[in-house]
Amino acid sequence: MRKLFQRMSKRTILTLDVGIALLLLLALWVLLDYPAITAAGAFRRGLRAANLPQTGMELRVNDLGLAADGENCMLVRLGWDRGWRYYDAWTVPAAEGQLWAALNWNAGVGSGAEEEAAPAFAEDLPPASAESREGAAYVEAETLPAFAVKTDEEAGLSLILYGDPEPGSLPEEIVRMELVPLERKAGWLVFGFDLEYLRAYSGKIGYYDTWEPPEYEFEAPCDSLVRWMQSSRPGRLPAQEAWLELSWTDGAGTPQTLRWALS
């Protein structure tokens, strides 16, 4: 065997080394259950597994990938676990012709990462999912995205919550929050919750001598909004009546408004 290697050229030995390395990488990939190399690759796998139209990922916010056709927004929940993986996929139909999606605003909140402590108002929000804490899928709590809408307009977005009406009366608007624009990409506008509004209505009401964090309370009307946030998940919003209101100014300078129900 030694004489055989001695007779081989350096180019042949190098080719063998590269081949062995590739085989080892392939074996490792198989042992890890074939993770995708990129988030976009995992997104396409998720669409295929859910029998959704194959298209490229247009936007990734926290651990959600988004794309859209003319009638639906397609979402795939992604995570990093020694490679990119998909977990589930679903669609959100356009509302009044407007493509939109609710995002995972709990990602990055209360994950226990010491270097990125959750803001005071978020202590009671559900923790980030395990897969959103790894690698590039983790996002700081300070961004806290809420919704994405597909529009070329410079638009604003408001979240409106209504309380349960008394018998014989109409629902009453209890919270109206103008959401904060965070990002524009590939025709999408991403909006987040107004953290200053949430902080203004939060107060620390107790400390613990143990490792447990302090408790917080939220004054009205913020308490209703926080409860709504706590019970929300991507693809599953609470039954409480809630609306989104998109506003922009058209080319003629006329203000325009579009509203649609979330539940």
C-alpha atoms as a PDB file:
ATOM      1  CA  MET A   1       0.000   0.000   0.000  1.00  0.00           C
ATOM      2  CA  ARG A   2       2.819   2.382   0.870  1.00  0.00           C
ATOM      3  CA  LYS A   3       4.510   1.694  -2.467  1.00  0.00           C
ATOM      4  CA  LEU A   4       1.200   2.302  -4.217  1.00  0.00           C
ATOM      5  CA  PHE A   5       0.909   5.762  -2.640  1.00  0.00           C
ATOM      6  CA  GLN A   6       4.508   6.516  -3.499  1.00  0.00           C
ATOM      7  CA  ARG A   7       3.766   5.834  -7.162  1.00  0.00           C
ATOM      8  CA  MET A   8       0.749   8.213  -7.148  1.00  0.00           C
ATOM      9  CA  SER A   9       1.132  11.765  -8.353  1.00  0.00           C
ATOM     10  CA  LYS A  10       0.448  14.677  -6.006  1.00  0.00           C
ATOM     11  CA  ARG A  11      -2.623  15.557  -8.056  1.00  0.00           C
ATOM     12  CA  THR A  12      -4.062  12.033  -7.584  1.00  0.00           C
ATOM     13  CA  ILE A  13      -3.415  12.105  -3.832  1.00  0.00           C
ATOM     14  CA  LEU A  14      -5.050  15.530  -3.584  1.00  0.00           C
ATOM     15  CA  THR A  15      -8.069  14.270  -5.520  1.00  0.00           C
ATOM     16  CA  LEU A  16      -8.400  11.285  -3.156  1.00  0.00           C
ATOM     17  CA  ASP A  17      -8.152  13.557  -0.103  1.00  0.00           C
ATOM     18  CA  VAL A  18     -10.877  15.827  -1.433  1.00  0.00           C
ATOM     19  CA  GLY A  19     -13.080  12.834  -2.260  1.00  0.00           C
ATOM     20  CA  ILE A  20     -12.672  11.370   1.231  1.00  0.00           C
ATOM     21  CA  ALA A  21     -13.477  14.750   2.795  1.00  0.00           C
ATOM     22  CA  LEU A  22     -16.634  15.048   0.680  1.00  0.00           C
ATOM     23  CA  LEU A  23     -17.723  11.537   1.655  1.00  0.00           C
ATOM     24  CA  LEU A  24     -17.241  12.388   5.340  1.00  0.00           C
ATOM     25  CA  LEU A  25     -19.286  15.584   4.930  1.00  0.00           C
ATOM     26  CA  LEU A  26     -22.013  13.601   3.169  1.00  0.00           C
ATOM     27  CA  ALA A  27     -22.060  11.053   5.985  1.00  0.00           C
ATOM     28  CA  LEU A  28     -22.317  13.852   8.561  1.00  0.00           C
ATOM     29  CA  TRP A  29     -25.187  15.443   6.601  1.00  0.00           C
ATOM     30  CA  VAL A  30     -27.037  12.123   6.602  1.00  0.00           C
ATOM     31  CA  LEU A  31     -26.453  11.639  10.344  1.00  0.00           C
ATOM     32  CA  LEU A  32     -27.908  15.108  10.971  1.00  0.00           C
ATOM     33  CA  ASP A  33     -31.073  14.102   9.070  1.00  0.00           C
ATOM     34  CA  TYR A  34     -30.408  16.142   5.925  1.00  0.00           C
ATOM     35  CA  PRO A  35     -30.681  19.748   7.195  1.00  0.00           C
ATOM     36  CA  ALA A  36     -30.841  22.521   4.597  1.00  0.00           C
ATOM     37  CA  ILE A  37     -27.718  24.586   4.107  1.00  0.00           C
ATOM     38  CA  THR A  38     -29.663  27.859   3.921  1.00  0.00           C
ATOM     39  CA  ALA A  39     -32.889  29.236   5.368  1.00  0.00           C
ATOM     40  CA  ALA A  40     -34.191  29.657   1.808  1.00  0.00           C
ATOM     41  CA  GLY A  41     -33.616  25.947   1.182  1.00  0.00           C
ATOM     42  CA  ALA A  42     -35.534  24.995   4.327  1.00  0.00           C
ATOM     43  CA  PHE A  43     -38.315  27.372   3.263  1.00  0.00           C
ATOM     44  CA  ARG A  44     -38.717  25.578  -0.067  1.00  0.00           C
ATOM     45  CA  ARG A  45     -38.755  22.204   1.701  1.00  0.00           C
ATOM     46  CA  GLY A  46     -41.522  23.426   3.989  1.00  0.00           C
ATOM     47  CA  LEU A  47     -43.624  24.558   1.046  1.00  0.00           C
ATOM     48  CA  ARG A  48     -43.117  21.233  -0.705  1.00  0.00           C
ATOM     49  CA  ALA A  49     -44.042  19.231   2.406  1.00  0.00           C
ATOM     50  CA  ALA A  50     -47.271  21.260   2.784  1.00  0.00           C
ATOM     51  CA  ASN A  51     -48.128  20.893  -0.935  1.00  0.00           C
ATOM     52  CA  LEU A  52     -47.910  24.658  -1.420  1.00  0.00           C
ATOM     53  CA  PRO A  53     -46.731  26.353  -4.621  1.00  0.00           C
ATOM     54  CA  GLN A  54     -42.955  26.328  -4.940  1.00  0.00           C
ATOM     55  CA  THR A  55     -41.459  29.805  -4.802  1.00  0.00           C
ATOM     56  CA  GLY A  56     -38.469  31.562  -3.326  1.00  0.00           C
ATOM     57  CA  MET A  57     -38.478  33.080   0.154  1.00  0.00           C
ATOM     58  CA  GLU A  58     -39.080  36.822  -0.118  1.00  0.00           C
ATOM     59  CA  LEU A  59     -38.629  37.796   3.520  1.00  0.00           C
ATOM     60  CA  ARG A  60     -37.472  36.228   6.789  1.00  0.00           C
ATOM     61  CA  VAL A  61     -38.503  37.800  10.088  1.00  0.00           C
ATOM     62  CA  ASN A  62     -37.495  36.039  13.283  1.00  0.00           C
ATOM     63  CA  ASP A  63     -38.169  32.362  12.631  1.00  0.00           C
ATOM     64  CA  LEU A  64     -40.744  32.848   9.852  1.00  0.00           C
ATOM     65  CA  GLY A  65     -40.107  32.833   6.123  1.00  0.00           C
ATOM     66  CA  LEU A  66     -42.639  34.572   3.852  1.00  0.00           C
ATOM     67  CA  ALA A  67     -43.559  34.562   0.185  1.00  0.00           C
ATOM     68  CA  ALA A  68     -46.754  35.414  -1.665  1.00  0.00           C
ATOM     69  CA  ASP A  69     -48.664  34.824  -4.858  1.00  0.00           C
ATOM     70  CA  GLY A  70     -51.565  36.983  -5.941  1.00  0.00           C
ATOM     71  CA  GLU A  71     -54.031  35.532  -3.448  1.00  0.00           C
ATOM     72  CA  ASN A  72     -52.163  34.120  -0.434  1.00  0.00           C
ATOM     73  CA  CYS A  73     -49.204  34.749   1.802  1.00  0.00           C
ATOM     74  CA  MET A  74     -47.272  31.537   2.422  1.00  0.00           C
ATOM     75  CA  LEU A  75     -45.418  31.160   5.714  1.00  0.00           C
ATOM     76  CA  VAL A  76     -42.945  28.548   6.878  1.00  0.00           C
ATOM     77  CA  ARG A  77     -41.673  28.348  10.436  1.00  0.00           C
ATOM     78  CA  LEU A  78     -37.902  27.867  10.347  1.00  0.00           C
ATOM     79  CA  GLY A  79     -35.223  27.068  12.890  1.00  0.00           C
ATOM     80  CA  TRP A  80     -31.506  26.452  13.189  1.00  0.00           C
ATOM     81  CA  ASP A  81     -30.455  23.082  14.604  1.00  0.00           C
ATOM     82  CA  ARG A  82     -27.058  22.100  13.154  1.00  0.00           C
ATOM     83  CA  GLY A  83     -28.508  23.261   9.853  1.00  0.00           C
ATOM     84  CA  TRP A  84     -31.697  24.992   8.711  1.00  0.00           C
ATOM     85  CA  ARG A  85     -34.961  23.099   9.205  1.00  0.00           C
ATOM     86  CA  TYR A  86     -38.657  23.751   8.635  1.00  0.00           C
ATOM     87  CA  TYR A  87     -41.308  22.917  11.231  1.00  0.00           C
ATOM     88  CA  ASP A  88     -44.672  23.775   9.715  1.00  0.00           C
ATOM     89  CA  ALA A  89     -46.199  25.827   6.919  1.00  0.00           C
ATOM     90  CA  TRP A  90     -49.537  27.519   6.285  1.00  0.00           C
ATOM     91  CA  THR A  91     -51.184  30.220   4.190  1.00  0.00           C
ATOM     92  CA  VAL A  92     -52.946  33.480   5.016  1.00  0.00           C
ATOM     93  CA  PRO A  93     -55.442  34.635   2.359  1.00  0.00           C
ATOM     94  CA  ALA A  94     -55.359  38.225   1.179  1.00  0.00           C
ATOM     95  CA  ALA A  95     -57.817  40.462   3.046  1.00  0.00           C
ATOM     96  CA  GLU A  96     -59.672  42.980   0.901  1.00  0.00           C
ATOM     97  CA  GLY A  97     -57.048  42.241  -1.739  1.00  0.00           C
ATOM     98  CA  GLN A  98     -54.214  43.069   0.681  1.00  0.00           C
ATOM     99  CA  LEU A  99     -51.489  40.479   1.315  1.00  0.00           C
ATOM    100  CA  TRP A 100     -50.463  40.379   4.959  1.00  0.00           C
ATOM    101  CA  ALA A 101     -49.233  38.097   7.733  1.00  0.00           C
ATOM    102  CA  ALA A 102     -49.040  38.043  11.515  1.00  0.00           C
ATOM    103  CA  LEU A 103     -45.459  37.455  12.670  1.00  0.00           C
ATOM    104  CA  ASN A 104     -43.915  35.689  15.652  1.00  0.00           C
ATOM    105  CA  TRP A 105     -43.538  38.639  18.002  1.00  0.00           C
ATOM    106  CA  ASN A 106     -42.586  36.371  20.915  1.00  0.00           C
ATOM    107  CA  ALA A 107     -39.283  35.321  19.341  1.00  0.00           C
ATOM    108  CA  GLY A 108     -36.361  36.632  21.352  1.00  0.00           C
ATOM    109  CA  VAL A 109     -38.464  37.592  24.393  1.00  0.00           C
ATOM    110  CA  GLY A 110     -37.774  35.886  27.694  1.00  0.00           C
ATOM    111  CA  SER A 111     -35.370  33.370  26.214  1.00  0.00           C
ATOM    112  CA  GLY A 112     -33.024  33.587  29.192  1.00  0.00           C
ATOM    113  CA  ALA A 113     -30.146  35.024  27.171  1.00  0.00           C
ATOM    114  CA  GLU A 114     -28.289  37.152  29.699  1.00  0.00           C
ATOM    115  CA  GLU A 115     -26.750  39.406  27.087  1.00  0.00           C
ATOM    116  CA  GLU A 116     -30.173  40.335  25.679  1.00  0.00           C
ATOM    117  CA  ALA A 117     -32.552  40.907  28.557  1.00  0.00           C
ATOM    118  CA  ALA A 118     -36.218  41.322  27.680  1.00  0.00           C
ATOM    119  CA  PRO A 119     -37.672  44.810  28.200  1.00  0.00           C
ATOM    120  CA  ALA A 120     -39.730  45.261  31.348  1.00  0.00           C
ATOM    121  CA  PHE A 121     -43.131  45.038  29.693  1.00  0.00           C
ATOM    122  CA  ALA A 122     -42.230  41.708  28.057  1.00  0.00           C
ATOM    123  CA  GLU A 123     -41.375  39.724  31.191  1.00  0.00           C
ATOM    124  CA  ASP A 124     -44.781  38.031  31.131  1.00  0.00           C
ATOM    125  CA  LEU A 125     -44.809  37.244  27.420  1.00  0.00           C
ATOM    126  CA  PRO A 126     -44.301  33.614  26.383  1.00  0.00           C
ATOM    127  CA  PRO A 127     -40.665  32.586  25.910  1.00  0.00           C
ATOM    128  CA  ALA A 128     -39.065  32.211  22.517  1.00  0.00           C
ATOM    129  CA  SER A 129     -39.286  28.769  20.985  1.00  0.00           C
ATOM    130  CA  ALA A 130     -36.156  26.661  21.390  1.00  0.00           C
ATOM    131  CA  GLU A 131     -35.324  26.710  17.709  1.00  0.00           C
ATOM    132  CA  SER A 132     -35.489  30.530  17.562  1.00  0.00           C
ATOM    133  CA  ARG A 133     -32.682  30.856  20.120  1.00  0.00           C
ATOM    134  CA  GLU A 134     -30.055  29.257  17.903  1.00  0.00           C
ATOM    135  CA  GLY A 135     -27.734  30.999  15.502  1.00  0.00           C
ATOM    136  CA  ALA A 136     -29.126  33.411  12.957  1.00  0.00           C
ATOM    137  CA  ALA A 137     -32.738  32.666  13.886  1.00  0.00           C
ATOM    138  CA  TYR A 138     -32.436  34.565  17.177  1.00  0.00           C
ATOM    139  CA  VAL A 139     -33.639  38.158  17.218  1.00  0.00           C
ATOM    140  CA  GLU A 140     -33.361  40.823  19.892  1.00  0.00           C
ATOM    141  CA  ALA A 141     -36.493  41.593  21.858  1.00  0.00           C
ATOM    142  CA  GLU A 142     -36.177  45.293  21.037  1.00  0.00           C
ATOM    143  CA  THR A 143     -37.375  44.715  17.472  1.00  0.00           C
ATOM    144  CA  LEU A 144     -40.546  42.754  18.378  1.00  0.00           C
ATOM    145  CA  PRO A 145     -42.082  42.597  14.856  1.00  0.00           C
ATOM    146  CA  ALA A 146     -45.862  42.297  14.692  1.00  0.00           C
ATOM    147  CA  PHE A 147     -47.185  42.220  11.116  1.00  0.00           C
ATOM    148  CA  ALA A 148     -45.977  42.341   7.529  1.00  0.00           C
ATOM    149  CA  VAL A 149     -47.956  43.759   4.612  1.00  0.00           C
ATOM    150  CA  LYS A 150     -47.037  43.661   0.939  1.00  0.00           C
ATOM    151  CA  THR A 151     -47.316  47.123  -0.530  1.00  0.00           C
ATOM    152  CA  ASP A 152     -45.277  49.560  -2.575  1.00  0.00           C
ATOM    153  CA  GLU A 153     -46.857  52.509  -0.779  1.00  0.00           C
ATOM    154  CA  GLU A 154     -45.277  54.402   2.094  1.00  0.00           C
ATOM    155  CA  ALA A 155     -47.989  53.272   4.448  1.00  0.00           C
ATOM    156  CA  GLY A 156     -48.829  53.239   8.122  1.00  0.00           C
ATOM    157  CA  LEU A 157     -50.448  50.369   9.993  1.00  0.00           C
ATOM    158  CA  SER A 158     -52.570  50.441  13.146  1.00  0.00           C
ATOM    159  CA  LEU A 159     -53.811  47.605  15.351  1.00  0.00           C
ATOM    160  CA  ILE A 160     -57.298  48.084  16.797  1.00  0.00           C
ATOM    161  CA  LEU A 161     -58.771  45.926  19.574  1.00  0.00           C
ATOM    162  CA  TYR A 162     -62.431  45.895  20.603  1.00  0.00           C
ATOM    163  CA  GLY A 163     -63.844  44.864  23.940  1.00  0.00           C
ATOM    164  CA  ASP A 164     -66.687  42.406  24.481  1.00  0.00           C
ATOM    165  CA  PRO A 165     -69.916  44.391  24.017  1.00  0.00           C
ATOM    166  CA  GLU A 166     -72.699  44.568  26.532  1.00  0.00           C
ATOM    167  CA  PRO A 167     -75.914  42.841  25.462  1.00  0.00           C
ATOM    168  CA  GLY A 168     -77.670  44.975  22.875  1.00  0.00           C
ATOM    169  CA  SER A 169     -74.715  47.294  22.282  1.00  0.00           C
ATOM    170  CA  LEU A 170     -71.966  47.527  19.677  1.00  0.00           C
ATOM    171  CA  PRO A 171     -68.318  46.555  20.374  1.00  0.00           C
ATOM    172  CA  GLU A 172     -66.259  49.414  21.772  1.00  0.00           C
ATOM    173  CA  GLU A 173     -62.764  50.258  20.607  1.00  0.00           C
ATOM    174  CA  ILE A 174     -60.439  49.844  23.596  1.00  0.00           C
ATOM    175  CA  VAL A 175     -56.943  49.948  22.062  1.00  0.00           C
ATOM    176  CA  ARG A 176     -55.630  51.653  18.953  1.00  0.00           C
ATOM    177  CA  MET A 177     -51.879  51.316  18.475  1.00  0.00           C
ATOM    178  CA  GLU A 178     -50.036  52.855  15.546  1.00  0.00           C
ATOM    179  CA  LEU A 179     -47.414  50.240  14.724  1.00  0.00           C
ATOM    180  CA  VAL A 180     -43.792  51.198  14.070  1.00  0.00           C
ATOM    181  CA  PRO A 181     -42.255  50.536  10.617  1.00  0.00           C
ATOM    182  CA  LEU A 182     -39.152  48.357  11.045  1.00  0.00           C
ATOM    183  CA  GLU A 183     -38.070  47.122   7.634  1.00  0.00           C
ATOM    184  CA  ARG A 184     -38.863  47.243   3.916  1.00  0.00           C
ATOM    185  CA  LYS A 185     -37.727  44.358   1.734  1.00  0.00           C
ATOM    186  CA  ALA A 186     -38.901  42.732  -1.509  1.00  0.00           C
ATOM    187  CA  GLY A 187     -42.120  44.750  -1.500  1.00  0.00           C
ATOM    188  CA  TRP A 188     -42.910  43.928   2.144  1.00  0.00           C
ATOM    189  CA  LEU A 189     -43.313  46.417   4.959  1.00  0.00           C
ATOM    190  CA  VAL A 190     -42.661  45.012   8.442  1.00  0.00           C
ATOM    191  CA  PHE A 191     -44.289  46.740  11.403  1.00  0.00           C
ATOM    192  CA  GLY A 192     -43.612  46.235  15.102  1.00  0.00           C
ATOM    193  CA  PHE A 193     -45.339  47.113  18.344  1.00  0.00           C
ATOM    194  CA  ASP A 194     -44.734  50.569  19.775  1.00  0.00           C
ATOM    195  CA  LEU A 195     -42.475  49.681  22.695  1.00  0.00           C
ATOM    196  CA  GLU A 196     -42.663  53.165  24.186  1.00  0.00           C
ATOM    197  CA  TYR A 197     -46.441  52.817  24.415  1.00  0.00           C
ATOM    198  CA  LEU A 198     -46.073  49.471  26.173  1.00  0.00           C
ATOM    199  CA  ARG A 199     -43.454  50.795  28.581  1.00  0.00           C
ATOM    200  CA  ALA A 200     -45.586  53.798  29.425  1.00  0.00           C
ATOM    201  CA  TYR A 201     -48.323  51.524  30.764  1.00  0.00           C
ATOM    202  CA  SER A 202     -46.150  48.984  32.573  1.00  0.00           C
ATOM    203  CA  GLY A 203     -45.030  49.053  36.191  1.00  0.00           C
ATOM    204  CA  LYS A 204     -42.926  46.780  38.346  1.00  0.00           C
ATOM    205  CA  ILE A 205     -44.970  45.532  41.278  1.00  0.00           C
ATOM    206  CA  GLY A 206     -42.690  43.112  43.086  1.00  0.00           C
ATOM    207  CA  TYR A 207     -39.234  41.602  43.492  1.00  0.00           C
ATOM    208  CA  TYR A 208     -38.075  38.150  44.426  1.00  0.00           C
ATOM    209  CA  ASP A 209     -35.018  37.133  46.423  1.00  0.00           C
ATOM    210  CA  THR A 210     -34.725  34.015  44.259  1.00  0.00           C
ATOM    211  CA  TRP A 211     -33.784  33.626  40.614  1.00  0.00           C
ATOM    212  CA  GLU A 212     -37.338  34.385  39.519  1.00  0.00           C
ATOM    213  CA  PRO A 213     -37.844  37.695  37.673  1.00  0.00           C
ATOM    214  CA  PRO A 214     -40.002  40.504  39.094  1.00  0.00           C
ATOM    215  CA  GLU A 215     -43.665  40.645  38.184  1.00  0.00           C
ATOM    216  CA  TYR A 216     -45.155  43.417  36.096  1.00  0.00           C
ATOM    217  CA  GLU A 217     -48.629  44.803  35.734  1.00  0.00           C
ATOM    218  CA  PHE A 218     -50.107  46.748  32.857  1.00  0.00           C
ATOM    219  CA  GLU A 219     -52.502  49.635  33.198  1.00  0.00           C
ATOM    220  CA  ALA A 220     -55.604  49.961  31.047  1.00  0.00           C
ATOM    221  CA  PRO A 221     -55.844  50.004  28.090  1.00  0.00           C
ATOM    222  CA  CYS A 222     -52.426  48.396  27.686  1.00  0.00           C
ATOM    223  CA  ASP A 223     -53.402  45.381  29.791  1.00  0.00           C
ATOM    224  CA  SER A 224     -55.910  44.297  27.127  1.00  0.00           C
ATOM    225  CA  LEU A 225     -53.274  44.550  24.413  1.00  0.00           C
ATOM    226  CA  VAL A 226     -50.711  42.543  26.402  1.00  0.00           C
ATOM    227  CA  ARG A 227     -53.228  39.784  27.109  1.00  0.00           C
ATOM    228  CA  TRP A 228     -54.008  39.668  23.392  1.00  0.00           C
ATOM    229  CA  MET A 229     -50.285  39.458  22.571  1.00  0.00           C
ATOM    230  CA  GLN A 230     -49.728  36.698  25.118  1.00  0.00           C
ATOM    231  CA  SER A 231     -52.442  34.491  23.633  1.00  0.00           C
ATOM    232  CA  SER A 232     -51.358  34.982  20.008  1.00  0.00           C
ATOM    233  CA  ARG A 233     -49.260  32.679  17.860  1.00  0.00           C
ATOM    234  CA  PRO A 234     -48.334  32.812  14.167  1.00  0.00           C
ATOM    235  CA  GLY A 235     -51.218  31.289  12.284  1.00  0.00           C
ATOM    236  CA  ARG A 236     -53.497  31.394  15.353  1.00  0.00           C
ATOM    237  CA  LEU A 237     -54.873  34.692  16.655  1.00  0.00           C
ATOM    238  CA  PRO A 238     -57.287  35.098  19.590  1.00  0.00           C
ATOM    239  CA  ALA A 239     -61.042  35.201  19.049  1.00  0.00           C
ATOM    240  CA  GLN A 240     -61.225  38.744  20.426  1.00  0.00           C
ATOM    241  CA  GLU A 241     -62.312  41.197  17.749  1.00  0.00           C
ATOM    242  CA  ALA A 242     -59.244  42.879  16.290  1.00  0.00           C
ATOM    243  CA  TRP A 243     -58.609  44.807  13.099  1.00  0.00           C
ATOM    244  CA  LEU A 244     -55.683  46.116  11.094  1.00  0.00           C
ATOM    245  CA  GLU A 245     -55.930  49.504   9.414  1.00  0.00           C
ATOM    246  CA  LEU A 246     -53.547  50.359   6.569  1.00  0.00           C
ATOM    247  CA  SER A 247     -53.324  54.033   5.612  1.00  0.00           C
ATOM    248  CA  TRP A 248     -51.449  55.794   2.816  1.00  0.00           C
ATOM    249  CA  THR A 249     -51.692  58.744   0.430  1.00  0.00           C
ATOM    250  CA  ASP A 250     -52.318  58.007  -3.236  1.00  0.00           C
ATOM    251  CA  GLY A 251     -50.694  59.693  -6.218  1.00  0.00           C
ATOM    252  CA  ALA A 252     -53.364  62.401  -6.238  1.00  0.00           C
ATOM    253  CA  GLY A 253     -52.579  63.283  -2.619  1.00  0.00           C
ATOM    254  CA  THR A 254     -55.806  61.755  -1.304  1.00  0.00           C
ATOM    255  CA  PRO A 255     -55.618  59.819   1.998  1.00  0.00           C
ATOM    256  CA  GLN A 256     -56.647  56.174   1.646  1.00  0.00           C
ATOM    257  CA  THR A 257     -57.561  53.618   4.295  1.00  0.00           C
ATOM    258  CA  LEU A 258     -58.034  49.845   4.161  1.00  0.00           C
ATOM    259  CA  ARG A 259     -59.317  47.829   7.131  1.00  0.00           C
ATOM    260  CA  TRP A 260     -59.628  44.091   7.679  1.00  0.00           C
ATOM    261  CA  ALA A 261     -60.535  41.849  10.600  1.00  0.00           C
ATOM    262  CA  LEU A 262     -57.936  39.592  12.236  1.00  0.00           C
ATOM    263  CA  SER A 263     -60.414  37.299  13.927  1.00  0.00           C
END
